[in-house]
Amino acid sequence: MTDNALNAVALYAAFNTFILLWLAVNVGKKRSEGKISIGDGGYMPLIRAQRGQSNFVEYVPMALIMLTIMALQGAPALAVHIAGIVLTLGRLIHAMHFISEDAPGWQRMYGTIATLAVLVLSALGLIGHALF
């Protein structure tokens, strides 16, 4: 069972890697458009792109660590898949908000809610597992 759960973590780590790469390419495009090699040059499209990438890097590693610990502690693969799907869809929606300059605010909000839900619920589950 743990192997299936670890395979699930691997799947969502890979999917989220592609989201990170998408965000990184977007930052590169904005740097090229603004002719900026270091910093942000005060160029708002680049600042927005960098913020989207930074937000991803701030939250996804801990979420994947939480999924990994869940798998190692014997969580069912289904639980890891559910958390991984919610995380990945949330991060995809959140990234869409930062890729498009005129993106609707709901993308950022729902992407954030999905990410935080995975973090909170996995943390509570791990605390419960550790204590009981």
N, C-alpha and C. Protein backbone atom coordinates (compact mmCIF):
# COMPACT_ATOMS: atom_id res chain seq x y z
N MET A 1 0.84 -1.19 0.00
CA MET A 1 0.00 0.00 0.00
C MET A 1 0.88 1.25 0.00
N THR A 2 1.96 1.25 0.76
CA THR A 2 2.84 2.40 0.81
C THR A 2 3.45 2.68 -0.55
N ASP A 3 3.79 1.63 -1.32
CA ASP A 3 4.36 1.84 -2.65
C ASP A 3 3.39 2.59 -3.54
N ASN A 4 2.10 2.23 -3.50
CA ASN A 4 1.10 2.93 -4.30
C ASN A 4 0.97 4.38 -3.86
N ALA A 5 1.01 4.62 -2.57
CA ALA A 5 0.92 5.99 -2.05
C ALA A 5 2.16 6.79 -2.45
N LEU A 6 3.33 6.17 -2.37
CA LEU A 6 4.56 6.88 -2.80
C LEU A 6 4.55 7.15 -4.30
N ASN A 7 4.01 6.21 -5.08
CA ASN A 7 3.87 6.45 -6.51
C ASN A 7 2.94 7.62 -6.77
N ALA A 8 1.91 7.76 -5.96
CA ALA A 8 1.00 8.89 -6.09
C ALA A 8 1.74 10.20 -5.81
N VAL A 9 2.56 10.22 -4.76
CA VAL A 9 3.35 11.42 -4.46
C VAL A 9 4.24 11.76 -5.65
N ALA A 10 4.88 10.75 -6.21
CA ALA A 10 5.77 10.96 -7.36
C ALA A 10 5.00 11.59 -8.53
N LEU A 11 3.79 11.12 -8.74
CA LEU A 11 2.96 11.64 -9.82
C LEU A 11 2.67 13.13 -9.63
N TYR A 12 2.27 13.51 -8.43
CA TYR A 12 1.92 14.92 -8.19
C TYR A 12 3.15 15.80 -8.09
N ALA A 13 4.27 15.24 -7.65
CA ALA A 13 5.52 16.00 -7.68
C ALA A 13 5.89 16.31 -9.14
N ALA A 14 5.72 15.34 -10.01
CA ALA A 14 6.03 15.54 -11.42
C ALA A 14 5.08 16.56 -12.06
N PHE A 15 3.78 16.41 -11.81
CA PHE A 15 2.82 17.37 -12.37
C PHE A 15 3.13 18.79 -11.90
N ASN A 16 3.43 18.93 -10.62
CA ASN A 16 3.72 20.26 -10.09
C ASN A 16 5.04 20.81 -10.59
N THR A 17 5.97 19.93 -10.93
CA THR A 17 7.22 20.38 -11.55
C THR A 17 6.92 21.06 -12.88
N PHE A 18 5.99 20.51 -13.65
CA PHE A 18 5.64 21.13 -14.93
C PHE A 18 4.96 22.48 -14.74
N ILE A 19 4.18 22.63 -13.68
CA ILE A 19 3.58 23.93 -13.38
C ILE A 19 4.68 24.93 -13.03
N LEU A 20 5.65 24.50 -12.22
CA LEU A 20 6.76 25.38 -11.87
C LEU A 20 7.54 25.80 -13.12
N LEU A 21 7.78 24.86 -14.01
CA LEU A 21 8.51 25.18 -15.24
C LEU A 21 7.73 26.18 -16.10
N TRP A 22 6.41 26.02 -16.15
CA TRP A 22 5.54 26.95 -16.88
C TRP A 22 5.69 28.36 -16.30
N LEU A 23 5.67 28.45 -14.97
CA LEU A 23 5.83 29.75 -14.31
C LEU A 23 7.23 30.32 -14.58
N ALA A 24 8.25 29.47 -14.56
CA ALA A 24 9.62 29.93 -14.80
C ALA A 24 9.80 30.44 -16.23
N VAL A 25 9.22 29.74 -17.18
CA VAL A 25 9.29 30.20 -18.58
C VAL A 25 8.59 31.55 -18.71
N ASN A 26 7.48 31.71 -18.01
CA ASN A 26 6.77 32.99 -18.04
C ASN A 26 7.65 34.11 -17.50
N VAL A 27 8.38 33.85 -16.41
CA VAL A 27 9.30 34.86 -15.86
C VAL A 27 10.36 35.20 -16.91
N GLY A 28 10.89 34.19 -17.57
CA GLY A 28 11.90 34.42 -18.61
C GLY A 28 11.36 35.27 -19.75
N LYS A 29 10.13 34.99 -20.16
CA LYS A 29 9.51 35.79 -21.23
C LYS A 29 9.37 37.26 -20.80
N LYS A 30 8.93 37.47 -19.58
CA LYS A 30 8.76 38.85 -19.09
C LYS A 30 10.10 39.56 -18.97
N ARG A 31 11.14 38.82 -18.57
CA ARG A 31 12.48 39.42 -18.51
C ARG A 31 12.91 39.85 -19.92
N SER A 32 12.66 39.00 -20.88
CA SER A 32 13.02 39.30 -22.26
C SER A 32 12.24 40.51 -22.78
N GLU A 33 10.92 40.52 -22.54
CA GLU A 33 10.08 41.64 -22.97
C GLU A 33 10.58 42.96 -22.39
N GLY A 34 10.92 42.95 -21.11
CA GLY A 34 11.35 44.17 -20.43
C GLY A 34 12.84 44.45 -20.53
N LYS A 35 13.56 43.53 -21.18
CA LYS A 35 15.02 43.65 -21.30
C LYS A 35 15.67 43.81 -19.92
N ILE A 36 15.29 42.92 -19.00
CA ILE A 36 15.76 42.97 -17.62
C ILE A 36 16.45 41.65 -17.29
N SER A 37 17.73 41.72 -16.92
CA SER A 37 18.44 40.48 -16.61
C SER A 37 18.51 40.21 -15.10
N ILE A 38 18.55 41.27 -14.29
CA ILE A 38 18.64 41.11 -12.84
C ILE A 38 17.59 41.98 -12.18
N GLY A 39 16.96 41.45 -11.15
CA GLY A 39 15.92 42.21 -10.45
C GLY A 39 14.64 42.26 -11.27
N ASP A 40 13.81 43.25 -10.95
CA ASP A 40 12.55 43.36 -11.69
C ASP A 40 12.43 44.65 -12.49
N GLY A 41 13.37 45.57 -12.28
CA GLY A 41 13.38 46.81 -13.04
C GLY A 41 12.11 47.65 -12.89
N GLY A 42 11.29 47.32 -11.89
CA GLY A 42 10.03 48.04 -11.72
C GLY A 42 9.00 47.71 -12.80
N TYR A 43 9.28 46.70 -13.60
CA TYR A 43 8.41 46.30 -14.72
C TYR A 43 7.29 45.42 -14.17
N MET A 44 6.08 45.97 -14.12
CA MET A 44 4.97 45.29 -13.46
C MET A 44 4.67 43.88 -14.01
N PRO A 45 4.72 43.66 -15.30
CA PRO A 45 4.48 42.28 -15.77
C PRO A 45 5.49 41.28 -15.22
N LEU A 46 6.74 41.71 -15.07
CA LEU A 46 7.77 40.84 -14.50
C LEU A 46 7.54 40.65 -13.00
N ILE A 47 7.20 41.71 -12.31
CA ILE A 47 6.92 41.61 -10.88
C ILE A 47 5.79 40.61 -10.64
N ARG A 48 4.74 40.69 -11.45
CA ARG A 48 3.60 39.77 -11.33
C ARG A 48 4.04 38.33 -11.59
N ALA A 49 4.81 38.13 -12.65
CA ALA A 49 5.27 36.78 -13.00
C ALA A 49 6.17 36.21 -11.89
N GLN A 50 7.07 37.04 -11.38
CA GLN A 50 7.95 36.58 -10.29
C GLN A 50 7.15 36.23 -9.04
N ARG A 51 6.14 37.03 -8.75
CA ARG A 51 5.33 36.77 -7.56
C ARG A 51 4.60 35.43 -7.69
N GLY A 52 4.10 35.13 -8.86
CA GLY A 52 3.43 33.84 -9.08
C GLY A 52 4.38 32.67 -8.89
N GLN A 53 5.60 32.80 -9.43
CA GLN A 53 6.58 31.74 -9.27
C GLN A 53 7.02 31.62 -7.82
N SER A 54 7.23 32.74 -7.16
CA SER A 54 7.65 32.72 -5.76
C SER A 54 6.59 32.08 -4.87
N ASN A 55 5.34 32.41 -5.12
CA ASN A 55 4.27 31.84 -4.32
C ASN A 55 4.26 30.32 -4.46
N PHE A 56 4.45 29.84 -5.66
CA PHE A 56 4.50 28.40 -5.89
C PHE A 56 5.62 27.78 -5.06
N VAL A 57 6.80 28.38 -5.12
CA VAL A 57 7.97 27.86 -4.42
C VAL A 57 7.80 27.94 -2.90
N GLU A 58 7.00 28.88 -2.43
CA GLU A 58 6.76 29.03 -1.00
C GLU A 58 5.87 27.92 -0.43
N TYR A 59 4.93 27.42 -1.21
CA TYR A 59 3.94 26.50 -0.68
C TYR A 59 4.05 25.04 -1.14
N VAL A 60 4.41 24.82 -2.37
CA VAL A 60 4.37 23.46 -2.91
C VAL A 60 5.38 22.51 -2.25
N PRO A 61 6.60 22.94 -1.96
CA PRO A 61 7.52 21.99 -1.31
C PRO A 61 6.96 21.42 0.00
N MET A 62 6.39 22.26 0.85
CA MET A 62 5.84 21.75 2.11
C MET A 62 4.66 20.82 1.85
N ALA A 63 3.83 21.15 0.89
CA ALA A 63 2.70 20.28 0.57
C ALA A 63 3.19 18.91 0.11
N LEU A 64 4.22 18.88 -0.72
CA LEU A 64 4.75 17.60 -1.18
C LEU A 64 5.45 16.84 -0.05
N ILE A 65 6.09 17.56 0.85
CA ILE A 65 6.66 16.90 2.04
C ILE A 65 5.55 16.25 2.85
N MET A 66 4.46 16.97 3.04
CA MET A 66 3.33 16.43 3.81
C MET A 66 2.76 15.18 3.13
N LEU A 67 2.61 15.22 1.82
CA LEU A 67 2.11 14.04 1.09
C LEU A 67 3.07 12.86 1.23
N THR A 68 4.35 13.15 1.19
CA THR A 68 5.36 12.09 1.33
C THR A 68 5.28 11.44 2.71
N ILE A 69 5.19 12.27 3.74
CA ILE A 69 5.09 11.72 5.10
C ILE A 69 3.81 10.91 5.24
N MET A 70 2.71 11.40 4.68
CA MET A 70 1.46 10.64 4.72
C MET A 70 1.68 9.25 4.12
N ALA A 71 2.32 9.22 2.95
CA ALA A 71 2.55 7.94 2.26
C ALA A 71 3.45 7.04 3.10
N LEU A 72 4.50 7.59 3.67
CA LEU A 72 5.43 6.80 4.46
C LEU A 72 4.79 6.27 5.74
N GLN A 73 3.82 6.99 6.26
CA GLN A 73 3.13 6.54 7.47
C GLN A 73 1.97 5.60 7.16
N GLY A 74 1.79 5.28 5.91
CA GLY A 74 0.79 4.28 5.56
C GLY A 74 -0.57 4.80 5.16
N ALA A 75 -0.66 6.07 4.82
CA ALA A 75 -1.95 6.60 4.35
C ALA A 75 -2.36 5.86 3.08
N PRO A 76 -3.64 5.64 2.91
CA PRO A 76 -4.10 4.98 1.69
C PRO A 76 -3.72 5.81 0.45
N ALA A 77 -3.41 5.13 -0.62
CA ALA A 77 -3.06 5.82 -1.86
C ALA A 77 -4.19 6.76 -2.29
N LEU A 78 -5.43 6.37 -2.04
CA LEU A 78 -6.56 7.23 -2.41
C LEU A 78 -6.48 8.58 -1.70
N ALA A 79 -6.11 8.58 -0.42
CA ALA A 79 -5.99 9.83 0.33
C ALA A 79 -4.90 10.71 -0.27
N VAL A 80 -3.79 10.10 -0.65
CA VAL A 80 -2.70 10.86 -1.26
C VAL A 80 -3.13 11.39 -2.62
N HIS A 81 -3.86 10.58 -3.38
CA HIS A 81 -4.36 11.04 -4.68
C HIS A 81 -5.31 12.21 -4.53
N ILE A 82 -6.22 12.13 -3.58
CA ILE A 82 -7.17 13.23 -3.39
C ILE A 82 -6.41 14.51 -3.03
N ALA A 83 -5.50 14.43 -2.08
CA ALA A 83 -4.72 15.60 -1.69
C ALA A 83 -3.87 16.10 -2.87
N GLY A 84 -3.28 15.18 -3.60
CA GLY A 84 -2.44 15.55 -4.75
C GLY A 84 -3.23 16.22 -5.86
N ILE A 85 -4.43 15.70 -6.12
CA ILE A 85 -5.28 16.31 -7.15
C ILE A 85 -5.70 17.71 -6.74
N VAL A 86 -6.14 17.86 -5.48
CA VAL A 86 -6.56 19.19 -5.01
C VAL A 86 -5.39 20.16 -5.07
N LEU A 87 -4.22 19.73 -4.61
CA LEU A 87 -3.03 20.58 -4.66
C LEU A 87 -2.71 20.99 -6.10
N THR A 88 -2.64 20.01 -6.99
CA THR A 88 -2.23 20.26 -8.37
C THR A 88 -3.23 21.15 -9.10
N LEU A 89 -4.51 20.87 -8.94
CA LEU A 89 -5.51 21.73 -9.59
C LEU A 89 -5.48 23.14 -9.00
N GLY A 90 -5.31 23.21 -7.68
CA GLY A 90 -5.20 24.52 -7.05
C GLY A 90 -4.02 25.32 -7.56
N ARG A 91 -2.88 24.65 -7.67
CA ARG A 91 -1.68 25.36 -8.15
C ARG A 91 -1.80 25.71 -9.63
N LEU A 92 -2.46 24.87 -10.41
CA LEU A 92 -2.67 25.17 -11.83
C LEU A 92 -3.56 26.40 -11.98
N ILE A 93 -4.65 26.43 -11.24
CA ILE A 93 -5.55 27.59 -11.29
C ILE A 93 -4.83 28.85 -10.81
N HIS A 94 -4.07 28.71 -9.73
CA HIS A 94 -3.32 29.85 -9.20
C HIS A 94 -2.30 30.35 -10.22
N ALA A 95 -1.61 29.44 -10.88
CA ALA A 95 -0.61 29.82 -11.89
C ALA A 95 -1.27 30.55 -13.05
N MET A 96 -2.44 30.09 -13.46
CA MET A 96 -3.15 30.74 -14.56
C MET A 96 -3.39 32.22 -14.25
N HIS A 97 -3.63 32.51 -12.99
CA HIS A 97 -3.86 33.90 -12.59
C HIS A 97 -2.61 34.75 -12.83
N PHE A 98 -1.45 34.17 -12.64
CA PHE A 98 -0.21 34.94 -12.78
C PHE A 98 0.36 34.91 -14.19
N ILE A 99 -0.09 33.98 -15.00
CA ILE A 99 0.36 33.91 -16.39
C ILE A 99 -0.36 34.96 -17.23
N SER A 100 -1.65 35.12 -17.00
CA SER A 100 -2.46 36.06 -17.76
C SER A 100 -2.54 37.40 -17.03
N GLU A 101 -2.26 38.46 -17.74
CA GLU A 101 -2.23 39.79 -17.11
C GLU A 101 -3.62 40.29 -16.71
N ASP A 102 -4.66 39.79 -17.36
CA ASP A 102 -6.02 40.25 -17.04
C ASP A 102 -6.86 39.13 -16.44
N ALA A 103 -6.20 38.28 -15.66
CA ALA A 103 -6.85 37.10 -15.08
C ALA A 103 -7.87 37.51 -14.02
N PRO A 104 -8.95 36.74 -13.92
CA PRO A 104 -9.94 37.02 -12.87
C PRO A 104 -9.39 36.67 -11.49
N GLY A 105 -9.80 37.43 -10.49
CA GLY A 105 -9.32 37.24 -9.13
C GLY A 105 -9.71 35.91 -8.52
N TRP A 106 -10.79 35.30 -9.02
CA TRP A 106 -11.22 34.03 -8.44
C TRP A 106 -10.15 32.96 -8.60
N GLN A 107 -9.35 33.04 -9.65
CA GLN A 107 -8.31 32.02 -9.87
C GLN A 107 -7.31 32.03 -8.73
N ARG A 108 -6.88 33.21 -8.36
CA ARG A 108 -5.92 33.31 -7.26
C ARG A 108 -6.55 32.84 -5.96
N MET A 109 -7.79 33.26 -5.71
CA MET A 109 -8.47 32.92 -4.47
C MET A 109 -8.69 31.41 -4.34
N TYR A 110 -9.25 30.78 -5.38
CA TYR A 110 -9.53 29.34 -5.30
C TYR A 110 -8.25 28.51 -5.30
N GLY A 111 -7.24 28.98 -6.02
CA GLY A 111 -5.96 28.28 -6.00
C GLY A 111 -5.33 28.31 -4.61
N THR A 112 -5.44 29.45 -3.97
CA THR A 112 -4.92 29.58 -2.61
C THR A 112 -5.70 28.73 -1.63
N ILE A 113 -7.02 28.76 -1.73
CA ILE A 113 -7.86 27.96 -0.83
C ILE A 113 -7.53 26.48 -0.97
N ALA A 114 -7.39 26.01 -2.20
CA ALA A 114 -7.09 24.58 -2.43
C ALA A 114 -5.75 24.21 -1.81
N THR A 115 -4.74 25.06 -2.01
CA THR A 115 -3.42 24.78 -1.46
C THR A 115 -3.45 24.76 0.06
N LEU A 116 -4.08 25.77 0.64
CA LEU A 116 -4.13 25.84 2.11
C LEU A 116 -4.95 24.69 2.69
N ALA A 117 -5.99 24.28 1.99
CA ALA A 117 -6.80 23.14 2.47
C ALA A 117 -5.94 21.88 2.53
N VAL A 118 -5.14 21.63 1.52
CA VAL A 118 -4.26 20.46 1.52
C VAL A 118 -3.27 20.55 2.69
N LEU A 119 -2.69 21.71 2.89
CA LEU A 119 -1.72 21.87 3.98
C LEU A 119 -2.37 21.67 5.34
N VAL A 120 -3.51 22.30 5.57
CA VAL A 120 -4.18 22.19 6.87
C VAL A 120 -4.66 20.77 7.13
N LEU A 121 -5.34 20.17 6.15
CA LEU A 121 -5.89 18.83 6.37
C LEU A 121 -4.80 17.78 6.51
N SER A 122 -3.74 17.89 5.72
CA SER A 122 -2.66 16.92 5.87
C SER A 122 -1.95 17.11 7.21
N ALA A 123 -1.78 18.35 7.64
CA ALA A 123 -1.15 18.60 8.95
C ALA A 123 -2.00 18.01 10.07
N LEU A 124 -3.30 18.24 10.01
CA LEU A 124 -4.18 17.68 11.04
C LEU A 124 -4.16 16.16 11.03
N GLY A 125 -4.15 15.58 9.84
CA GLY A 125 -4.07 14.13 9.72
C GLY A 125 -2.78 13.57 10.30
N LEU A 126 -1.67 14.24 10.02
CA LEU A 126 -0.40 13.79 10.55
C LEU A 126 -0.30 13.95 12.07
N ILE A 127 -0.87 15.05 12.57
CA ILE A 127 -0.91 15.23 14.03
C ILE A 127 -1.73 14.11 14.67
N GLY A 128 -2.90 13.86 14.08
CA GLY A 128 -3.75 12.78 14.60
C GLY A 128 -3.06 11.44 14.55
N HIS A 129 -2.37 11.15 13.46
CA HIS A 129 -1.65 9.88 13.33
C HIS A 129 -0.54 9.78 14.36
N ALA A 130 0.16 10.88 14.59
CA ALA A 130 1.28 10.87 15.53
C ALA A 130 0.81 10.70 16.98
N LEU A 131 -0.34 11.28 17.30
CA LEU A 131 -0.84 11.23 18.68
C LEU A 131 -1.66 9.97 19.00
N PHE A 132 -2.28 9.41 17.98
CA PHE A 132 -3.17 8.28 18.23
C PHE A 132 -2.75 7.10 17.39
